[in-house]
Each structure stands twice: as structure tokens, then as C-alpha cells.
Amino acid sequence: MSRSSINLLEKFTQFSEHWSPRVVAEMNDYQFKLAKIQNEFTWHDHKDTDEVFFVIEGSMTIEFRDGKVDLKAGEMFVVPKGVEHKPYAKDECKIMFIEPRGVTNTGDAGGELTAKSDVWI
């Protein structure tokens, strides 16, 4: 067991790609993932799990078919499983996801924004 703290801001300096989550820790079967996001993502859902978006720096919007939620630094939102959503950030936004190990960022939608799973920094 490591007895070192995890500095999230330092971890963000280790990658530059957008929409490419990086794992920084695990708790039971859940992963804590950091990502830089900008512009639109793809419409998708996660049929078997909720998904937590926690904004570290910047602001973002999560669009739904029937509305949206705006988030800024220090705010979080839980997207319930099975709910179709599309994240968006006008300017670069730094976020943390909390979700079960092995969750694909685009759900079953696939496409060019699908990131590799379990990439650690």
C-alpha cells in the first residue's frame, strides 16, 4: 500500500489529450479517472452503471435529451445508469470521473472518441 497522497493538479500535467481518461486510483472495483475535455463529446449512456462527473477546474455542461446541467469547479453531478447524455466544454475543463473498472467512456456508442481503458498515470 502506498502512503503517498495523489496530487490531482500535478497528474493533469502528465497528459494533454482531450476525452482520454487516466486512472489515478482505485477503491474496491471503482476507478478515479482524470480527463481534460473540450468541445462536444458523443451522445452515449452506460446501461449498467451511474457515472460521476466532478469538475476540478473550468466549467462544463452535460446535455440530456430533455435538458442540461451546468457545472463549474467544485461541483459534481451523478448521471444515472441508462440515461443518455453528451458532455460539452467550450474551453478546456479538467474533471474527475468515478466509475466501475472497465467502463468504456463512450458506452456502446463507440466511435473515434472511444479511449483505451485502464490507462494509469
Protein backbone atom coordinates (compact mmCIF):
# COMPACT_ATOMS: atom_id res chain seq x y z
CA MET A 1 0.00 0.00 0.00
CA SER A 2 1.33 3.41 -1.00
CA ARG A 3 1.32 6.06 1.71
CA SER A 4 1.69 8.98 -0.68
CA SER A 5 -1.04 11.46 -1.42
CA ILE A 6 -2.23 11.91 -5.00
CA ASN A 7 -1.82 15.44 -6.30
CA LEU A 8 -4.55 15.83 -8.92
CA LEU A 9 -3.20 19.10 -10.34
CA GLU A 10 0.21 17.52 -10.86
CA LYS A 11 -1.39 14.49 -12.52
CA PHE A 12 -3.11 16.78 -15.05
CA THR A 13 0.35 17.98 -16.20
CA GLN A 14 1.21 14.42 -17.31
CA PHE A 15 -1.13 14.33 -20.33
CA SER A 16 -2.61 16.73 -22.86
CA GLU A 17 -5.17 14.73 -24.87
CA HIS A 18 -8.84 15.62 -24.55
CA TRP A 19 -11.50 12.98 -23.83
CA SER A 20 -8.89 10.43 -22.81
CA PRO A 21 -9.42 9.48 -19.14
CA ARG A 22 -6.42 8.49 -16.99
CA VAL A 23 -6.77 6.38 -13.86
CA VAL A 24 -5.20 7.81 -10.70
CA ALA A 25 -6.63 5.48 -8.03
CA GLU A 26 -8.94 2.56 -7.33
CA MET A 27 -11.29 1.84 -4.46
CA ASN A 28 -12.81 -1.63 -4.44
CA ASP A 29 -13.99 -2.06 -8.06
CA TYR A 30 -14.24 1.69 -8.73
CA GLN A 31 -11.71 3.85 -10.54
CA PHE A 32 -10.98 7.55 -10.11
CA LYS A 33 -10.17 8.92 -13.58
CA LEU A 34 -8.95 12.35 -14.63
CA ALA A 35 -9.71 13.84 -18.03
CA LYS A 36 -9.29 17.07 -19.90
CA ILE A 37 -12.31 17.84 -22.01
CA GLN A 38 -13.07 20.45 -24.66
CA ASN A 39 -15.77 20.82 -27.31
CA GLU A 40 -18.50 18.20 -27.77
CA PHE A 41 -18.42 14.54 -26.90
CA THR A 42 -20.73 11.90 -28.34
CA TRP A 43 -24.25 11.01 -27.20
CA HIS A 44 -23.96 7.84 -25.10
CA ASP A 45 -25.15 6.06 -21.99
CA HIS A 46 -23.86 3.47 -19.56
CA LYS A 47 -26.51 0.79 -19.24
CA ASP A 48 -25.09 -0.88 -16.12
CA THR A 49 -23.67 1.94 -14.01
CA ASP A 50 -24.07 5.51 -12.81
CA GLU A 51 -21.30 7.95 -13.75
CA VAL A 52 -19.95 10.76 -11.55
CA PHE A 53 -18.60 13.97 -13.11
CA PHE A 54 -16.61 16.15 -10.68
CA VAL A 55 -15.23 19.43 -12.07
CA ILE A 56 -11.74 20.25 -10.79
CA GLU A 57 -11.04 23.31 -12.97
CA GLY A 58 -13.14 25.15 -15.56
CA SER A 59 -16.77 24.57 -16.45
CA MET A 60 -18.80 22.12 -18.48
CA THR A 61 -22.31 21.18 -19.50
CA ILE A 62 -23.92 17.75 -19.54
CA GLU A 63 -26.71 17.70 -22.10
CA PHE A 64 -29.65 15.32 -21.86
CA ARG A 65 -32.40 14.71 -24.40
CA ASP A 66 -34.75 16.70 -22.15
CA GLY A 67 -32.45 19.34 -20.63
CA LYS A 68 -28.98 20.03 -19.33
CA VAL A 69 -26.93 20.64 -16.21
CA ASP A 70 -24.11 23.21 -15.99
CA LEU A 71 -21.16 22.51 -13.70
CA LYS A 72 -18.27 24.67 -12.54
CA ALA A 73 -15.16 24.00 -10.45
CA GLY A 74 -16.02 22.30 -7.18
CA GLU A 75 -19.36 20.91 -8.42
CA MET A 76 -20.33 17.36 -9.29
CA PHE A 77 -23.21 15.52 -10.87
CA VAL A 78 -24.23 11.86 -10.97
CA VAL A 79 -25.65 10.68 -14.31
CA PRO A 80 -27.91 7.68 -13.54
CA LYS A 81 -27.30 4.46 -15.41
CA GLY A 82 -29.08 4.19 -18.71
CA VAL A 83 -29.55 7.95 -19.15
CA GLU A 84 -28.28 9.22 -22.50
CA HIS A 85 -26.00 12.22 -22.13
CA LYS A 86 -23.45 14.33 -24.00
CA PRO A 87 -20.75 16.25 -22.10
CA TYR A 88 -19.52 19.55 -23.54
CA ALA A 89 -16.97 22.19 -22.57
CA LYS A 90 -16.46 25.41 -24.55
CA ASP A 91 -12.97 25.85 -23.07
CA GLU A 92 -10.70 23.18 -21.63
CA CYS A 93 -12.13 21.74 -18.43
CA LYS A 94 -10.42 19.36 -16.01
CA ILE A 95 -12.66 16.73 -14.48
CA MET A 96 -12.66 13.55 -12.44
CA PHE A 97 -14.86 10.57 -13.24
CA ILE A 98 -15.72 7.96 -10.64
CA GLU A 99 -17.00 4.74 -12.17
CA PRO A 100 -16.51 0.96 -12.05
CA ARG A 101 -13.34 -0.51 -13.51
CA GLY A 102 -13.66 -1.33 -17.21
CA VAL A 103 -16.32 1.23 -18.16
CA THR A 104 -15.84 2.47 -21.74
CA ASN A 105 -16.05 6.26 -21.98
CA THR A 106 -18.44 6.15 -24.97
CA GLY A 107 -20.62 3.34 -23.61
CA ASP A 108 -21.96 1.24 -26.50
CA ALA A 109 -21.88 4.23 -28.90
CA GLY A 110 -18.24 3.65 -29.90
CA GLY A 111 -16.56 5.98 -32.39
CA GLU A 112 -13.32 7.88 -32.72
CA LEU A 113 -13.56 9.34 -29.19
CA THR A 114 -13.51 5.90 -27.54
CA ALA A 115 -10.49 5.85 -25.22
CA LYS A 116 -8.41 2.91 -24.04
CA SER A 117 -9.46 1.61 -20.64
CA ASP A 118 -7.25 1.32 -17.58
CA VAL A 119 -4.57 3.83 -18.65
CA TRP A 120 -2.81 4.86 -15.42
CA ILE A 121 -0.78 7.96 -14.64
